[in-house]
Structures are given as structure tokens and as C-alpha cells.
Amino acid sequence: MDATPRAEGLPEFRGVYTLEHVFDTAGTWAGRLEYQSEASDFLFVVREEPAAPAVGDAASTAASPTPDTTLGVDPICTREPPCPLHAVSLDTLVGKGRPVVIMFGTPALCQTQYCGPVLDVLMPIAEEHSAEIDTVHVEIYRDLTGERSAPTVEAWNLPSEPWVYGVDATGRITARVDGAFDATEIRSVYDTLTP
């Protein structure tokens, strides 16, 4: 299988390769990456059930931190300067008649170091769609120690970062990208929510 290179909107020399495949059984699988005449073998696990909410699931209606109701999260945005995507809590949006895109990520503490770049990519796309789709950013941790997950992250049962979810007007998840992704994949999340 050939993978698709993705780097639109990401910093120079940053990017990922993606491919989609449906595995017929759960378990440990062996893979081989071939790139520029070099090969690397690796193992990966295919789970019986997704580790986090998946397409088709009902989205959590848990609240998310806002400037007025922080839910014990400080800071509510680790981007510098803070992004504008924290004004409205998810409990007032999910399943309330308008689609919403949710990004879970922590620019300051991101283990993958993709949270900041993908949030920067997401913000102008969110602005393009603001008339018909709400967008919310949720920080991963309660504080800068990175020791405890934010309550919204706990409610969504997210094991890593970053994540972007598309949720339709009824509260159903329509799309999910995670780990590392570019502007093309973020736009695809919004595309699942537009007629």
C-alpha cells in the first residue's frame, strides 16, 4: 500500500504519511515501512474496540472550560497568544442543533509536538466555517504540571493528543483525526458537517 504524504499548513520539515486500511482481525500486526530505498520493520496493535470515541458514536456532552467557568483548568489555553476557541462550553453546543468541531490538544505540553502547529492550522479553517459550524479547543491538562487530565478529556476518554472530532447537529461523531495531521485532514472533518 502506498501512503499519502501530508504536510499542508505544518512547519517546514514536519509532516506525516497516512493510509487507510480495514484489518479483518484484532491483534498484533507486523508492518514494513519503505522510504527512499530504506526499510524499517515495526509492530502495531489493532484493538477489538476503539480506545477513544469513534465515528458513529454519540459525542460526550460534558462541559468544556471557558473564561467564565474554567472547571479547574488553568490555563484554559496554552497557546501563545491564547486562541479564541474557548468562548462557549461544549455542553451548550453538542447535540443542540448546530455542528461542532472539537480540537483536543495542548500546545505547551504536547507529547507529539503537533498540538501547537495543528491548532494554528485549525484556527483559520474554523473562521472560514464559523457561520455554520462552531469550533472549540479543549486543553488536555488541568494545569502546566501535565499530571492530571482536564475533566472534558476524562469524559471523552482520550489516551493521547491531539485529536480533532466532527460532531453533527444531533450529537453524532462524523469524523475523527488524531496523532498528527495537516490542513487537508482538518478540512475533511469540516466537510463531513457541510451539505
C-alpha atoms as a PDB file:
ATOM      1  CA  MET A   1       0.000   0.000   0.000  1.00  0.00           C
ATOM      2  CA  ASP A   2       1.204   3.497  -0.752  1.00  0.00           C
ATOM      3  CA  ALA A   3       0.864   6.133   1.952  1.00  0.00           C
ATOM      4  CA  THR A   4      -0.253   9.709   1.320  1.00  0.00           C
ATOM      5  CA  PRO A   5       2.202  12.439   2.376  1.00  0.00           C
ATOM      6  CA  ARG A   6       0.546  15.220   4.368  1.00  0.00           C
ATOM      7  CA  ALA A   7       2.180  18.484   5.399  1.00  0.00           C
ATOM      8  CA  GLU A   8      -0.173  21.295   4.311  1.00  0.00           C
ATOM      9  CA  GLY A   9      -0.001  24.135   6.829  1.00  0.00           C
ATOM     10  CA  LEU A  10       2.601  22.435   9.043  1.00  0.00           C
ATOM     11  CA  PRO A  11       6.043  23.897   9.775  1.00  0.00           C
ATOM     12  CA  GLU A  12       8.843  23.129   7.325  1.00  0.00           C
ATOM     13  CA  PHE A  13      10.189  19.579   7.628  1.00  0.00           C
ATOM     14  CA  ARG A  14       7.107  18.465   9.602  1.00  0.00           C
ATOM     15  CA  GLY A  15       4.506  16.154   8.184  1.00  0.00           C
ATOM     16  CA  VAL A  16       3.069  12.666   8.228  1.00  0.00           C
ATOM     17  CA  TYR A  17       2.177   9.852   5.883  1.00  0.00           C
ATOM     18  CA  THR A  18      -1.280   8.327   6.166  1.00  0.00           C
ATOM     19  CA  LEU A  19      -3.040   5.307   4.782  1.00  0.00           C
ATOM     20  CA  GLU A  20      -6.407   3.753   5.414  1.00  0.00           C
ATOM     21  CA  HIS A  21      -6.937   0.040   5.743  1.00  0.00           C
ATOM     22  CA  VAL A  22      -9.557  -2.118   7.420  1.00  0.00           C
ATOM     23  CA  PHE A  23      -7.985  -5.007   9.319  1.00  0.00           C
ATOM     24  CA  ASP A  24     -10.052  -8.185   9.441  1.00  0.00           C
ATOM     25  CA  THR A  25      -8.986  -9.209  12.961  1.00  0.00           C
ATOM     26  CA  ALA A  26      -7.740  -7.558  16.127  1.00  0.00           C
ATOM     27  CA  GLY A  27      -4.261  -8.342  17.403  1.00  0.00           C
ATOM     28  CA  THR A  28      -0.610  -7.529  16.865  1.00  0.00           C
ATOM     29  CA  TRP A  29       0.362  -6.957  13.257  1.00  0.00           C
ATOM     30  CA  ALA A  30       3.738  -6.590  11.591  1.00  0.00           C
ATOM     31  CA  GLY A  31       4.388  -3.739   9.203  1.00  0.00           C
ATOM     32  CA  ARG A  32       7.205  -2.620   6.960  1.00  0.00           C
ATOM     33  CA  LEU A  33       7.938   0.977   6.081  1.00  0.00           C
ATOM     34  CA  GLU A  34       9.897   1.519   2.887  1.00  0.00           C
ATOM     35  CA  TYR A  35      11.158   5.043   2.261  1.00  0.00           C
ATOM     36  CA  GLN A  36      13.926   6.243  -0.044  1.00  0.00           C
ATOM     37  CA  SER A  37      15.320   2.712  -0.529  1.00  0.00           C
ATOM     38  CA  GLU A  38      15.457   2.027   3.227  1.00  0.00           C
ATOM     39  CA  ALA A  39      13.139  -0.293   5.116  1.00  0.00           C
ATOM     40  CA  SER A  40      12.082  -0.487   8.756  1.00  0.00           C
ATOM     41  CA  ASP A  41      10.009  -3.250  10.282  1.00  0.00           C
ATOM     42  CA  PHE A  42       7.625  -2.489  13.125  1.00  0.00           C
ATOM     43  CA  LEU A  43       4.760  -3.985  15.142  1.00  0.00           C
ATOM     44  CA  PHE A  44       1.425  -2.333  15.902  1.00  0.00           C
ATOM     45  CA  VAL A  45      -1.751  -3.321  17.713  1.00  0.00           C
ATOM     46  CA  VAL A  46      -5.230  -3.341  16.204  1.00  0.00           C
ATOM     47  CA  ARG A  47      -7.763  -3.219  19.030  1.00  0.00           C
ATOM     48  CA  GLU A  48     -11.090  -5.027  19.114  1.00  0.00           C
ATOM     49  CA  GLU A  49     -12.788  -1.747  20.103  1.00  0.00           C
ATOM     50  CA  PRO A  50     -11.550   1.836  19.616  1.00  0.00           C
ATOM     51  CA  ALA A  51      -9.606   3.341  22.535  1.00  0.00           C
ATOM     52  CA  ALA A  52     -11.473   6.641  22.109  1.00  0.00           C
ATOM     53  CA  PRO A  53     -14.858   7.705  20.731  1.00  0.00           C
ATOM     54  CA  ALA A  54     -15.207   6.721  17.079  1.00  0.00           C
ATOM     55  CA  VAL A  55     -17.201   7.790  14.034  1.00  0.00           C
ATOM     56  CA  GLY A  56     -20.865   6.934  14.586  1.00  0.00           C
ATOM     57  CA  ASP A  57     -20.698   7.176  18.391  1.00  0.00           C
ATOM     58  CA  ALA A  58     -22.681   9.720  20.354  1.00  0.00           C
ATOM     59  CA  ALA A  59     -20.369  12.551  21.423  1.00  0.00           C
ATOM     60  CA  SER A  60     -19.961  13.356  25.089  1.00  0.00           C
ATOM     61  CA  THR A  61     -21.969  16.372  26.225  1.00  0.00           C
ATOM     62  CA  ALA A  62     -19.528  17.165  29.037  1.00  0.00           C
ATOM     63  CA  ALA A  63     -18.791  20.833  29.669  1.00  0.00           C
ATOM     64  CA  SER A  64     -15.517  22.355  28.497  1.00  0.00           C
ATOM     65  CA  PRO A  65     -13.572  25.176  30.166  1.00  0.00           C
ATOM     66  CA  THR A  66     -14.454  28.768  29.310  1.00  0.00           C
ATOM     67  CA  PRO A  67     -13.062  32.044  30.689  1.00  0.00           C
ATOM     68  CA  ASP A  68     -16.104  32.310  32.995  1.00  0.00           C
ATOM     69  CA  THR A  69     -16.229  28.637  34.041  1.00  0.00           C
ATOM     70  CA  THR A  70     -12.733  27.136  33.988  1.00  0.00           C
ATOM     71  CA  LEU A  71     -13.689  23.757  35.540  1.00  0.00           C
ATOM     72  CA  GLY A  72     -10.409  23.939  37.467  1.00  0.00           C
ATOM     73  CA  VAL A  73      -8.307  24.164  34.286  1.00  0.00           C
ATOM     74  CA  ASP A  74      -5.584  26.834  34.401  1.00  0.00           C
ATOM     75  CA  PRO A  75      -4.690  27.950  31.823  1.00  0.00           C
ATOM     76  CA  ILE A  76      -7.630  27.097  29.598  1.00  0.00           C
ATOM     77  CA  CYS A  77      -5.365  27.661  26.566  1.00  0.00           C
ATOM     78  CA  THR A  78      -1.597  27.121  26.472  1.00  0.00           C
ATOM     79  CA  ARG A  79      -1.189  28.634  23.015  1.00  0.00           C
ATOM     80  CA  GLU A  80       0.699  31.965  22.962  1.00  0.00           C
ATOM     81  CA  PRO A  81      -1.274  34.101  22.480  1.00  0.00           C
ATOM     82  CA  PRO A  82      -4.324  32.105  23.619  1.00  0.00           C
ATOM     83  CA  CYS A  83      -6.691  31.077  20.840  1.00  0.00           C
ATOM     84  CA  PRO A  84     -10.269  32.403  20.649  1.00  0.00           C
ATOM     85  CA  LEU A  85     -11.882  28.934  20.621  1.00  0.00           C
ATOM     86  CA  HIS A  86     -12.862  28.733  24.313  1.00  0.00           C
ATOM     87  CA  ALA A  87     -15.770  31.178  24.470  1.00  0.00           C
ATOM     88  CA  VAL A  88     -18.566  28.576  24.579  1.00  0.00           C
ATOM     89  CA  SER A  89     -18.744  25.318  26.531  1.00  0.00           C
ATOM     90  CA  LEU A  90     -19.361  22.049  24.717  1.00  0.00           C
ATOM     91  CA  ASP A  91     -22.336  21.183  26.938  1.00  0.00           C
ATOM     92  CA  THR A  92     -24.205  24.104  25.328  1.00  0.00           C
ATOM     93  CA  LEU A  93     -23.226  23.056  21.786  1.00  0.00           C
ATOM     94  CA  VAL A  94     -23.102  19.271  21.338  1.00  0.00           C
ATOM     95  CA  GLY A  95     -26.422  17.942  20.071  1.00  0.00           C
ATOM     96  CA  LYS A  96     -28.089  21.369  20.228  1.00  0.00           C
ATOM     97  CA  GLY A  97     -28.871  21.788  16.511  1.00  0.00           C
ATOM     98  CA  ARG A  98     -25.547  23.034  15.077  1.00  0.00           C
ATOM     99  CA  PRO A  99     -22.493  21.006  14.120  1.00  0.00           C
ATOM    100  CA  VAL A 100     -19.307  21.450  16.105  1.00  0.00           C
ATOM    101  CA  VAL A 101     -15.640  20.669  15.524  1.00  0.00           C
ATOM    102  CA  ILE A 102     -13.631  19.963  18.666  1.00  0.00           C
ATOM    103  CA  MET A 103      -9.868  20.002  18.935  1.00  0.00           C
ATOM    104  CA  PHE A 104      -8.254  18.417  21.962  1.00  0.00           C
ATOM    105  CA  GLY A 105      -4.631  19.493  22.252  1.00  0.00           C
ATOM    106  CA  THR A 106      -2.098  21.253  24.427  1.00  0.00           C
ATOM    107  CA  PRO A 107       0.414  23.437  22.589  1.00  0.00           C
ATOM    108  CA  ALA A 108       2.655  23.918  25.640  1.00  0.00           C
ATOM    109  CA  LEU A 109       2.783  20.304  26.861  1.00  0.00           C
ATOM    110  CA  CYS A 110       2.139  18.227  23.747  1.00  0.00           C
ATOM    111  CA  GLN A 111       3.949  14.881  23.777  1.00  0.00           C
ATOM    112  CA  THR A 112       3.901  14.655  19.967  1.00  0.00           C
ATOM    113  CA  GLN A 113       4.755  18.350  19.460  1.00  0.00           C
ATOM    114  CA  TYR A 114       1.962  18.577  16.893  1.00  0.00           C
ATOM    115  CA  CYS A 115      -0.708  20.267  19.065  1.00  0.00           C
ATOM    116  CA  GLY A 116       0.541  23.817  18.504  1.00  0.00           C
ATOM    117  CA  PRO A 117       1.049  23.517  14.746  1.00  0.00           C
ATOM    118  CA  VAL A 118      -2.315  21.822  14.140  1.00  0.00           C
ATOM    119  CA  LEU A 119      -4.156  24.356  16.317  1.00  0.00           C
ATOM    120  CA  ASP A 120      -2.580  27.123  14.231  1.00  0.00           C
ATOM    121  CA  VAL A 121      -3.755  25.316  11.077  1.00  0.00           C
ATOM    122  CA  LEU A 122      -7.248  24.789  12.503  1.00  0.00           C
ATOM    123  CA  MET A 123      -7.948  28.418  13.506  1.00  0.00           C
ATOM    124  CA  PRO A 124      -8.291  29.946  10.001  1.00  0.00           C
ATOM    125  CA  ILE A 125     -10.305  26.925   8.815  1.00  0.00           C
ATOM    126  CA  ALA A 126     -12.620  27.373  11.818  1.00  0.00           C
ATOM    127  CA  GLU A 127     -13.031  31.047  10.901  1.00  0.00           C
ATOM    128  CA  GLU A 128     -13.967  30.104   7.306  1.00  0.00           C
ATOM    129  CA  HIS A 129     -16.774  27.876   8.630  1.00  0.00           C
ATOM    130  CA  SER A 130     -17.894  29.961  11.619  1.00  0.00           C
ATOM    131  CA  ALA A 131     -21.265  30.883  10.073  1.00  0.00           C
ATOM    132  CA  GLU A 132     -22.406  27.248  10.029  1.00  0.00           C
ATOM    133  CA  ILE A 133     -20.095  25.266  12.356  1.00  0.00           C
ATOM    134  CA  ASP A 134     -18.954  26.000  15.916  1.00  0.00           C
ATOM    135  CA  THR A 135     -15.344  25.152  16.817  1.00  0.00           C
ATOM    136  CA  VAL A 136     -13.977  24.582  20.327  1.00  0.00           C
ATOM    137  CA  HIS A 137     -10.414  23.943  21.535  1.00  0.00           C
ATOM    138  CA  VAL A 138     -10.014  21.920  24.751  1.00  0.00           C
ATOM    139  CA  GLU A 139      -6.716  21.735  26.641  1.00  0.00           C
ATOM    140  CA  ILE A 140      -5.526  18.262  27.649  1.00  0.00           C
ATOM    141  CA  TYR A 141      -4.344  19.001  31.203  1.00  0.00           C
ATOM    142  CA  ARG A 142      -5.727  20.779  34.266  1.00  0.00           C
ATOM    143  CA  ASP A 143      -2.520  22.799  34.720  1.00  0.00           C
ATOM    144  CA  LEU A 144       1.030  23.220  33.478  1.00  0.00           C
ATOM    145  CA  THR A 145       2.325  20.277  35.526  1.00  0.00           C
ATOM    146  CA  GLY A 146       0.662  17.943  32.999  1.00  0.00           C
ATOM    147  CA  GLU A 147      -0.125  15.480  35.783  1.00  0.00           C
ATOM    148  CA  ARG A 148      -3.928  15.355  35.555  1.00  0.00           C
ATOM    149  CA  SER A 149      -6.182  15.401  32.534  1.00  0.00           C
ATOM    150  CA  ALA A 150      -8.790  18.126  32.174  1.00  0.00           C
ATOM    151  CA  PRO A 151     -12.320  16.968  33.059  1.00  0.00           C
ATOM    152  CA  THR A 152     -13.504  17.191  29.439  1.00  0.00           C
ATOM    153  CA  VAL A 153     -10.627  14.975  28.290  1.00  0.00           C
ATOM    154  CA  GLU A 154     -11.543  12.461  31.007  1.00  0.00           C
ATOM    155  CA  ALA A 155     -15.189  12.494  29.878  1.00  0.00           C
ATOM    156  CA  TRP A 156     -14.096  11.790  26.290  1.00  0.00           C
ATOM    157  CA  ASN A 157     -11.657   9.064  27.471  1.00  0.00           C
ATOM    158  CA  LEU A 158      -8.815  10.311  25.280  1.00  0.00           C
ATOM    159  CA  PRO A 159      -5.493   8.476  25.746  1.00  0.00           C
ATOM    160  CA  SER A 160      -3.222  10.908  23.872  1.00  0.00           C
ATOM    161  CA  GLU A 161      -3.160  14.151  21.900  1.00  0.00           C
ATOM    162  CA  PRO A 162      -4.010  15.894  19.616  1.00  0.00           C
ATOM    163  CA  TRP A 163      -7.493  14.922  18.362  1.00  0.00           C
ATOM    164  CA  VAL A 164      -9.997  16.670  16.097  1.00  0.00           C
ATOM    165  CA  TYR A 165     -13.616  15.491  16.071  1.00  0.00           C
ATOM    166  CA  GLY A 166     -16.534  16.474  13.881  1.00  0.00           C
ATOM    167  CA  VAL A 167     -19.922  16.239  15.613  1.00  0.00           C
ATOM    168  CA  ASP A 168     -23.164  16.739  13.706  1.00  0.00           C
ATOM    169  CA  ALA A 169     -26.180  18.773  14.822  1.00  0.00           C
ATOM    170  CA  THR A 170     -27.697  15.737  16.584  1.00  0.00           C
ATOM    171  CA  GLY A 171     -24.540  14.989  18.603  1.00  0.00           C
ATOM    172  CA  ARG A 172     -23.202  12.097  16.481  1.00  0.00           C
ATOM    173  CA  ILE A 173     -19.478  11.888  15.652  1.00  0.00           C
ATOM    174  CA  THR A 174     -18.956  12.211  11.892  1.00  0.00           C
ATOM    175  CA  ALA A 175     -15.157  12.333  11.688  1.00  0.00           C
ATOM    176  CA  ARG A 176     -12.016  11.876  13.757  1.00  0.00           C
ATOM    177  CA  VAL A 177      -8.332  12.528  13.141  1.00  0.00           C
ATOM    178  CA  ASP A 178      -5.642  12.059  15.753  1.00  0.00           C
ATOM    179  CA  GLY A 179      -1.934  11.971  16.408  1.00  0.00           C
ATOM    180  CA  ALA A 180      -0.549  14.131  13.625  1.00  0.00           C
ATOM    181  CA  PHE A 181      -2.480  15.598  10.728  1.00  0.00           C
ATOM    182  CA  ASP A 182      -2.436  18.514   8.332  1.00  0.00           C
ATOM    183  CA  ALA A 183      -4.828  21.115   6.918  1.00  0.00           C
ATOM    184  CA  THR A 184      -6.222  18.658   4.342  1.00  0.00           C
ATOM    185  CA  GLU A 185      -7.343  16.258   7.054  1.00  0.00           C
ATOM    186  CA  ILE A 186      -8.771  19.068   9.214  1.00  0.00           C
ATOM    187  CA  ARG A 187     -10.770  20.319   6.221  1.00  0.00           C
ATOM    188  CA  SER A 188     -12.076  16.775   5.698  1.00  0.00           C
ATOM    189  CA  VAL A 189     -13.534  16.887   9.229  1.00  0.00           C
ATOM    190  CA  TYR A 190     -15.405  20.104   8.388  1.00  0.00           C
ATOM    191  CA  ASP A 191     -16.501  18.591   5.057  1.00  0.00           C
ATOM    192  CA  THR A 192     -18.402  15.831   6.902  1.00  0.00           C
ATOM    193  CA  LEU A 193     -20.506  18.563   8.523  1.00  0.00           C
ATOM    194  CA  THR A 194     -21.352  20.670   5.470  1.00  0.00           C
ATOM    195  CA  PRO A 195     -24.013  19.786   2.880  1.00  0.00           C
END
